């Protein structure tokens, strides 16, 4: 893993001479440091950066930066030393660029007491979009862990289990199989609960006739996977089967539309055309997908407003869904790598999934 060119790419962009980086994932992407309680000051004219850490992380920072091959200095924060004082001691000028979305009001006030703060939207959202091959490999490993966990949990059966029990089993299985953590709070929504796209797992039991929406992912070395499958339990009603078949068609069309050079709005439009044909677009209440990497939601966001053109080696999701109150929801999601001719799917679990009865109900 070599990330030394990232600092050069950032300093080559126009901006304030000193830029302050505060988000942990941005610090990790730029420096290779994976710990907490840190921030980075980048100086464009000197083509340099300083990583500030406290005593808990100093030795770790030195080791990780050496491993990552980054040309970045590590500065130990003294006990009681404030962020603003530390920055003022090394800044080449009194102007510091800060993305105001990334700083608290109290930190902002402290900085302005010693420095001139210039609002500067981050360039890192765009710089992180195209992934290195090793980043894609980490996400592929995370996706494989999630695929395997789902297969194991489904083999044990879902009927009679609660949403929370299924969530807990998926999460623990991913960790047992090599995940450092879950990508985000796992969603398990059965029956009518599936009409809530971000339902929080409850004590609701899974029953025959339900569709179970499971949205989850694994994290490996900071990089994340993201997949949703809707599981068939017993026999579905004709109404719900039509919802599922429509989402399945729309998701397939969306994946086929992903390739280098197309706008995110085009992928979203292909999906919406399927729903519009069936008179169901009003039940599609979110965008079609998003970039993914160190963050679960990165640029670009695939929506009707997305004019961003996809580039090779971006990793995005395609996740259309339909949600009907009192009936349930259907969502199917894949994580894909953009290529020049299409995309490569990382999430390989079958789309058509059903489940045997749980042993406790036999």
Protein backbone atom coordinates (compact mmCIF):
# COMPACT_ATOMS: atom_id res chain seq x y z
CA UNK A 1 0.00 0.00 0.00
CA UNK A 2 1.71 3.18 -1.19
CA UNK A 3 -0.20 6.45 -1.01
CA UNK A 4 2.60 8.99 -1.28
CA UNK A 5 1.18 10.58 -4.45
CA UNK A 6 -1.99 11.66 -2.68
CA UNK A 7 -0.38 14.64 -0.97
CA UNK A 8 1.04 15.76 -4.31
CA UNK A 9 -2.41 15.52 -5.92
CA UNK A 10 -3.95 17.61 -3.15
CA UNK A 11 -1.29 20.33 -3.09
CA UNK A 12 -1.49 20.66 -6.88
CA UNK A 13 -5.04 21.94 -6.57
CA UNK A 14 -5.74 25.63 -6.06
CA UNK A 15 -6.65 26.75 -2.58
CA UNK A 16 -5.52 28.50 0.57
CA UNK A 17 -1.84 27.97 1.34
CA UNK A 18 -2.68 26.10 4.56
CA UNK A 19 -5.58 23.63 4.54
CA UNK A 20 -6.86 21.91 7.67
CA UNK A 21 -8.14 18.32 7.34
CA UNK A 22 -10.31 17.08 10.19
CA UNK A 23 -12.38 14.06 9.12
CA UNK A 24 -10.75 10.80 10.31
CA UNK A 25 -11.36 9.05 6.97
CA UNK A 26 -9.73 11.94 5.09
CA UNK A 27 -6.75 11.84 7.44
CA UNK A 28 -6.46 8.10 6.83
CA UNK A 29 -6.70 8.43 3.05
CA UNK A 30 -4.03 11.13 2.93
CA UNK A 31 -1.55 9.83 5.50
CA UNK A 32 -2.17 6.14 6.18
CA UNK A 33 -2.76 6.85 9.89
CA UNK A 34 -5.74 4.85 11.17
CA UNK A 35 -6.05 6.10 14.74
CA UNK A 36 -8.36 8.68 16.25
CA UNK A 37 -7.99 12.19 17.68
CA UNK A 38 -5.88 13.62 14.88
CA UNK A 39 -5.84 16.35 12.27
CA UNK A 40 -3.59 17.34 9.36
CA UNK A 41 -2.33 20.71 8.21
CA UNK A 42 -1.37 20.76 4.52
CA UNK A 43 0.88 23.50 3.12
CA UNK A 44 0.53 23.87 -0.64
CA UNK A 45 3.55 26.04 -1.34
CA UNK A 46 5.90 23.76 0.62
CA UNK A 47 4.23 20.58 -0.71
CA UNK A 48 4.18 19.34 2.87
CA UNK A 49 1.83 18.20 5.60
CA UNK A 50 1.92 17.75 9.35
CA UNK A 51 -0.11 15.13 11.19
CA UNK A 52 -0.96 16.13 14.75
CA UNK A 53 -1.60 13.36 17.29
CA UNK A 54 -1.51 13.07 21.06
CA UNK A 55 0.68 10.74 23.09
CA UNK A 56 -1.69 7.79 22.76
CA UNK A 57 -1.10 7.58 19.02
CA UNK A 58 2.39 8.95 18.41
CA UNK A 59 4.30 5.67 17.96
CA UNK A 60 1.43 4.21 15.94
CA UNK A 61 1.38 7.23 13.65
CA UNK A 62 5.13 6.99 12.98
CA UNK A 63 4.82 3.30 12.12
CA UNK A 64 1.76 3.59 9.90
CA UNK A 65 3.09 6.57 7.98
CA UNK A 66 6.33 4.72 7.29
CA UNK A 67 4.36 1.68 6.07
CA UNK A 68 2.19 3.85 3.84
CA UNK A 69 5.22 5.57 2.33
CA UNK A 70 3.89 9.07 2.91
CA UNK A 71 6.18 12.07 3.23
CA UNK A 72 4.37 13.57 6.19
CA UNK A 73 5.73 14.89 9.48
CA UNK A 74 4.21 13.75 12.77
CA UNK A 75 3.80 16.35 15.49
CA UNK A 76 3.12 15.29 19.08
CA UNK A 77 0.53 17.47 20.76
CA UNK A 78 1.71 18.54 24.18
CA UNK A 79 -0.52 17.89 27.18
CA UNK A 80 -3.17 20.58 27.25
CA UNK A 81 -2.09 22.10 23.90
CA UNK A 82 -5.03 23.30 21.83
CA UNK A 83 -5.54 22.58 18.15
CA UNK A 84 -5.42 26.28 17.31
CA UNK A 85 -2.14 26.84 19.18
CA UNK A 86 -0.54 23.80 17.56
CA UNK A 87 -1.55 24.93 14.07
CA UNK A 88 -0.41 28.49 14.68
CA UNK A 89 3.02 27.19 15.71
CA UNK A 90 3.69 25.55 12.33
CA UNK A 91 1.50 27.45 9.82
CA UNK A 92 3.50 29.29 7.18
CA UNK A 93 0.86 32.01 7.10
CA UNK A 94 -2.01 33.05 9.32
CA UNK A 95 -4.64 31.97 6.80
CA UNK A 96 -6.06 28.48 7.16
CA UNK A 97 -8.63 26.94 4.81
CA UNK A 98 -11.34 24.87 6.52
CA UNK A 99 -14.40 23.08 5.17
CA UNK A 100 -17.07 24.49 7.48
CA UNK A 101 -19.07 21.28 7.23
CA UNK A 102 -16.26 19.48 9.06
CA UNK A 103 -15.70 21.71 12.09
CA UNK A 104 -17.66 22.32 15.27
CA UNK A 105 -18.65 25.79 16.36
CA UNK A 106 -16.35 25.66 19.39
CA UNK A 107 -13.34 24.60 17.32
CA UNK A 108 -14.11 27.29 14.76
CA UNK A 109 -14.18 29.96 17.47
CA UNK A 110 -10.89 28.73 18.90
CA UNK A 111 -9.22 28.82 15.50
CA UNK A 112 -10.43 32.33 14.71
CA UNK A 113 -8.89 33.58 17.95
CA UNK A 114 -5.39 32.89 16.56
CA UNK A 115 -5.76 32.48 12.80
CA UNK A 116 -7.68 33.82 9.85
CA UNK A 117 -10.09 31.04 8.84
CA UNK A 118 -11.03 30.91 5.15
CA UNK A 119 -14.03 28.74 4.14
CA UNK A 120 -12.70 26.15 1.69
CA UNK A 121 -14.88 23.25 0.50
CA UNK A 122 -12.85 20.05 0.64
CA UNK A 123 -11.23 18.67 -2.51
CA UNK A 124 -10.90 15.24 -0.94
CA UNK A 125 -14.41 14.10 -1.87
CA UNK A 126 -13.43 14.25 -5.53
CA UNK A 127 -9.88 12.99 -5.02
CA UNK A 128 -11.12 9.86 -3.24
CA UNK A 129 -13.55 8.92 -6.02
CA UNK A 130 -11.23 6.87 -8.26
CA UNK A 131 -9.87 3.93 -6.29
CA UNK A 132 -6.46 2.28 -6.40
CA UNK A 133 -6.43 -1.43 -7.15
CA UNK A 134 -5.55 -2.30 -3.56
CA UNK A 135 -8.55 -0.29 -2.36
CA UNK A 136 -10.82 -2.24 -4.70
CA UNK A 137 -9.30 -5.50 -3.48
CA UNK A 138 -10.11 -4.60 0.12
CA UNK A 139 -13.71 -3.86 -0.83
CA UNK A 140 -13.90 -7.14 -2.75
CA UNK A 141 -12.70 -8.96 0.38
CA UNK A 142 -15.32 -7.16 2.45
CA UNK A 143 -18.01 -8.09 -0.09
CA UNK A 144 -16.94 -11.75 0.01
CA UNK A 145 -17.19 -11.78 3.80
CA UNK A 146 -20.71 -10.36 3.56
CA UNK A 147 -21.72 -12.85 0.85
CA UNK A 148 -20.51 -15.77 2.96
CA UNK A 149 -22.20 -14.48 6.11
CA UNK A 150 -25.56 -14.15 4.37
CA UNK A 151 -25.33 -17.69 3.00
CA UNK A 152 -24.57 -19.11 6.45
CA UNK A 153 -27.38 -17.22 8.16
CA UNK A 154 -29.95 -18.18 5.52
CA UNK A 155 -28.91 -21.83 5.73
CA UNK A 156 -29.99 -21.81 9.39
CA UNK A 157 -33.44 -20.45 8.47
CA UNK A 158 -35.20 -17.19 9.28
CA UNK A 159 -38.79 -18.11 10.10
CA UNK A 160 -39.54 -17.62 13.80
CA UNK A 161 -36.46 -15.50 14.39
CA UNK A 162 -36.72 -11.80 15.17
CA UNK A 163 -35.18 -9.04 13.08
CA UNK A 164 -32.73 -8.34 15.90
CA UNK A 165 -31.67 -11.98 16.09
CA UNK A 166 -30.96 -12.09 12.36
CA UNK A 167 -29.08 -8.77 12.54
CA UNK A 168 -26.96 -10.00 15.43
CA UNK A 169 -26.15 -13.27 13.68
CA UNK A 170 -25.12 -11.56 10.44
CA UNK A 171 -22.92 -9.04 12.26
CA UNK A 172 -21.18 -11.64 14.42
CA UNK A 173 -20.65 -13.99 11.46
CA UNK A 174 -18.98 -11.24 9.44
CA UNK A 175 -16.64 -10.45 12.33
CA UNK A 176 -15.86 -14.13 12.88
CA UNK A 177 -14.99 -14.46 9.19
CA UNK A 178 -12.51 -11.60 9.06
CA UNK A 179 -14.37 -8.29 9.11
CA UNK A 180 -12.89 -5.60 11.33
CA UNK A 181 -16.37 -4.17 11.80
CA UNK A 182 -19.72 -3.76 10.08
CA UNK A 183 -19.94 -1.09 7.38
CA UNK A 184 -22.98 0.53 8.98
CA UNK A 185 -25.92 -0.43 11.19
CA UNK A 186 -27.33 -3.59 9.59
CA UNK A 187 -30.95 -3.33 8.44
CA UNK A 188 -33.29 -6.31 8.74
CA UNK A 189 -36.91 -5.46 7.92
CA UNK A 190 -39.56 -8.15 7.59
CA UNK A 191 -43.06 -7.94 6.18
CA UNK A 192 -44.69 -4.48 6.50
CA UNK A 193 -41.56 -3.13 8.24
CA UNK A 194 -39.83 -3.31 4.87
CA UNK A 195 -41.79 -0.21 3.80
CA UNK A 196 -39.33 1.79 5.92
CA UNK A 197 -36.09 2.02 3.92
CA UNK A 198 -33.94 2.57 7.04
CA UNK A 199 -35.91 0.44 9.47
CA UNK A 200 -34.13 -0.39 12.73
CA UNK A 201 -34.32 -4.13 13.55
CA UNK A 202 -36.98 -4.88 16.15
CA UNK A 203 -38.49 -7.84 18.00
CA UNK A 204 -40.82 -8.49 15.04
CA UNK A 205 -40.73 -12.17 14.10
CA UNK A 206 -40.21 -13.31 10.53
CA UNK A 207 -43.23 -15.20 9.19
CA UNK A 208 -44.11 -17.23 6.14
CA UNK A 209 -45.29 -14.95 3.34
CA UNK A 210 -42.92 -12.15 4.29
CA UNK A 211 -40.25 -10.50 2.22
CA UNK A 212 -37.21 -9.76 4.39
CA UNK A 213 -35.05 -6.80 3.34
CA UNK A 214 -31.47 -7.22 4.57
CA UNK A 215 -29.08 -4.31 3.94
CA UNK A 216 -25.58 -4.78 5.35
CA UNK A 217 -21.86 -4.81 4.71
CA UNK A 218 -18.44 -5.61 6.15
CA UNK A 219 -15.47 -3.34 6.80
CA UNK A 220 -11.91 -4.51 6.08
CA UNK A 221 -8.95 -2.19 6.82
CA UNK A 222 -11.32 0.78 6.73
CA UNK A 223 -12.92 -0.07 3.37
CA UNK A 224 -16.57 -1.06 3.17
CA UNK A 225 -18.96 -3.28 1.31
CA UNK A 226 -22.69 -2.63 0.86
CA UNK A 227 -25.32 -5.09 -0.33
CA UNK A 228 -29.08 -5.52 -0.03
CA UNK A 229 -31.09 -8.63 -0.76
CA UNK A 230 -34.81 -9.26 -0.31
CA UNK A 231 -35.41 -12.81 0.92
CA UNK A 232 -38.54 -14.79 0.06
CA UNK A 233 -40.17 -16.55 3.00
CA UNK A 234 -42.87 -19.00 1.91
CA UNK A 235 -45.31 -17.90 -0.78
CA UNK A 236 -45.60 -14.23 -1.64
CA UNK A 237 -48.81 -12.48 -2.60
CA UNK A 238 -49.18 -11.54 -6.26
CA UNK A 239 -48.97 -7.87 -5.24
CA UNK A 240 -45.64 -8.31 -3.49
CA UNK A 241 -44.28 -10.57 -6.24
CA UNK A 242 -44.99 -7.81 -8.76
CA UNK A 243 -43.10 -5.32 -6.59
CA UNK A 244 -40.15 -7.68 -6.38
CA UNK A 245 -40.07 -8.48 -10.09
CA UNK A 246 -40.19 -4.78 -10.93
CA UNK A 247 -37.30 -3.94 -8.60
CA UNK A 248 -35.34 -6.88 -9.94
CA UNK A 249 -35.77 -5.61 -13.51
CA UNK A 250 -34.93 -2.03 -12.55
CA UNK A 251 -31.82 -3.06 -10.63
CA UNK A 252 -30.60 -5.19 -13.54
CA UNK A 253 -31.13 -2.27 -15.91
CA UNK A 254 -29.29 0.09 -13.56
CA UNK A 255 -26.27 -2.19 -13.26
CA UNK A 256 -26.15 -2.55 -17.06
CA UNK A 257 -26.19 1.25 -17.42
CA UNK A 258 -23.06 1.78 -15.30
CA UNK A 259 -19.93 2.45 -17.31
CA UNK A 260 -17.21 5.05 -17.69
CA UNK A 261 -18.45 8.27 -19.29
CA UNK A 262 -22.13 8.15 -18.30
CA UNK A 263 -23.66 10.64 -15.89
CA UNK A 264 -25.04 9.44 -12.58
CA UNK A 265 -28.43 10.86 -13.57
CA UNK A 266 -28.47 8.52 -16.58
CA UNK A 267 -28.14 5.44 -14.37
CA UNK A 268 -30.85 6.81 -12.10
CA UNK A 269 -33.08 7.56 -15.08
CA UNK A 270 -32.81 4.03 -16.46
CA UNK A 271 -34.02 2.69 -13.12
CA UNK A 272 -36.86 5.19 -12.82
CA UNK A 273 -38.07 4.41 -16.34
CA UNK A 274 -38.91 0.86 -15.23
CA UNK A 275 -40.86 2.11 -12.22
CA UNK A 276 -42.59 4.81 -14.28
CA UNK A 277 -43.73 2.23 -16.84
CA UNK A 278 -45.46 0.32 -14.03
CA UNK A 279 -46.91 3.48 -12.45
CA UNK A 280 -44.79 2.95 -9.33
CA UNK A 281 -42.25 5.77 -9.36
CA UNK A 282 -44.04 7.41 -6.40
CA UNK A 283 -42.99 4.40 -4.29
CA UNK A 284 -39.31 4.93 -5.10
CA UNK A 285 -38.26 7.34 -2.36
CA UNK A 286 -34.46 7.55 -2.60
CA UNK A 287 -31.63 7.78 -5.10
CA UNK A 288 -30.27 4.88 -7.12
CA UNK A 289 -26.85 4.63 -5.51
CA UNK A 290 -23.70 6.23 -4.17
CA UNK A 291 -19.95 6.01 -4.17
CA UNK A 292 -18.35 3.91 -1.45
CA UNK A 293 -14.90 3.44 0.04
CA UNK A 294 -13.65 4.65 3.41
CA UNK A 295 -17.07 6.25 3.81
CA UNK A 296 -20.24 4.27 3.29
CA UNK A 297 -21.64 7.22 1.29
CA UNK A 298 -19.14 8.96 -0.98
CA UNK A 299 -19.38 10.95 -4.18
CA UNK A 300 -21.01 10.56 -6.61
CA UNK A 301 -24.63 10.25 -5.46
CA UNK A 302 -26.61 8.63 -8.30
CA UNK A 303 -29.82 10.67 -8.42
CA UNK A 304 -31.83 12.72 -10.94
CA UNK A 305 -29.64 15.75 -10.10
CA UNK A 306 -26.29 13.97 -10.52
CA UNK A 307 -24.43 15.51 -13.46
CA UNK A 308 -21.18 13.83 -12.39
CA UNK A 309 -19.72 11.55 -15.06
CA UNK A 310 -18.56 8.14 -13.87
CA UNK A 311 -14.87 7.26 -14.15
CA UNK A 312 -13.09 3.92 -14.37
CA UNK A 313 -12.21 2.44 -10.98
CA UNK A 314 -14.91 4.30 -9.14
CA UNK A 315 -16.90 2.01 -6.87
CA UNK A 316 -20.62 2.71 -6.62
CA UNK A 317 -23.80 1.00 -5.52
CA UNK A 318 -26.97 0.38 -7.54
CA UNK A 319 -29.86 -0.05 -5.10
CA UNK A 320 -33.39 0.69 -6.34
CA UNK A 321 -36.35 -0.14 -4.14
CA UNK A 322 -40.12 0.12 -3.80
CA UNK A 323 -41.89 0.79 -0.50
CA UNK A 324 -45.62 0.33 0.12
CA UNK A 325 -47.20 1.04 3.49
CA UNK A 326 -48.97 -1.95 5.02
CA UNK A 327 -47.43 -4.30 2.45
CA UNK A 328 -43.67 -4.02 2.74
CA UNK A 329 -40.64 -3.08 0.74
CA UNK A 330 -38.23 -4.53 -1.78
CA UNK A 331 -34.67 -3.39 -2.29
CA UNK A 332 -31.86 -5.06 -4.24
CA UNK A 333 -28.36 -3.62 -4.17
CA UNK A 334 -25.00 -4.43 -5.70
CA UNK A 335 -21.63 -2.79 -5.24
CA UNK A 336 -19.85 -2.42 -8.58
CA UNK A 337 -16.54 -1.20 -10.01
CA UNK A 338 -16.91 1.13 -12.99
CA UNK A 339 -15.00 0.05 -16.11
CA UNK A 340 -14.65 1.41 -19.63
CA UNK A 341 -17.22 -1.02 -21.03
CA UNK A 342 -19.54 -1.56 -18.07
CA UNK A 343 -18.93 -2.61 -14.50
CA UNK A 344 -17.65 -5.47 -12.35
CA UNK A 345 -19.97 -6.65 -9.59
CA UNK A 346 -18.34 -7.23 -6.20
CA UNK A 347 -21.43 -8.44 -4.31
CA UNK A 348 -22.09 -11.93 -5.67
CA UNK A 349 -24.97 -13.29 -3.55
CA UNK A 350 -27.83 -14.54 -5.75
CA UNK A 351 -30.71 -12.11 -6.26
CA UNK A 352 -33.40 -14.80 -5.97
CA UNK A 353 -33.12 -16.04 -2.39
CA UNK A 354 -35.55 -18.05 -0.32
CA UNK A 355 -35.10 -19.56 3.08
CA UNK A 356 -35.95 -22.84 4.85
CA UNK A 357 -37.75 -22.93 8.16
CA UNK A 358 -35.61 -22.32 11.22
CA UNK A 359 -34.68 -25.40 13.26
CA UNK A 360 -36.53 -23.99 16.28
CA UNK A 361 -39.81 -24.13 14.35
CA UNK A 362 -39.46 -27.70 13.07
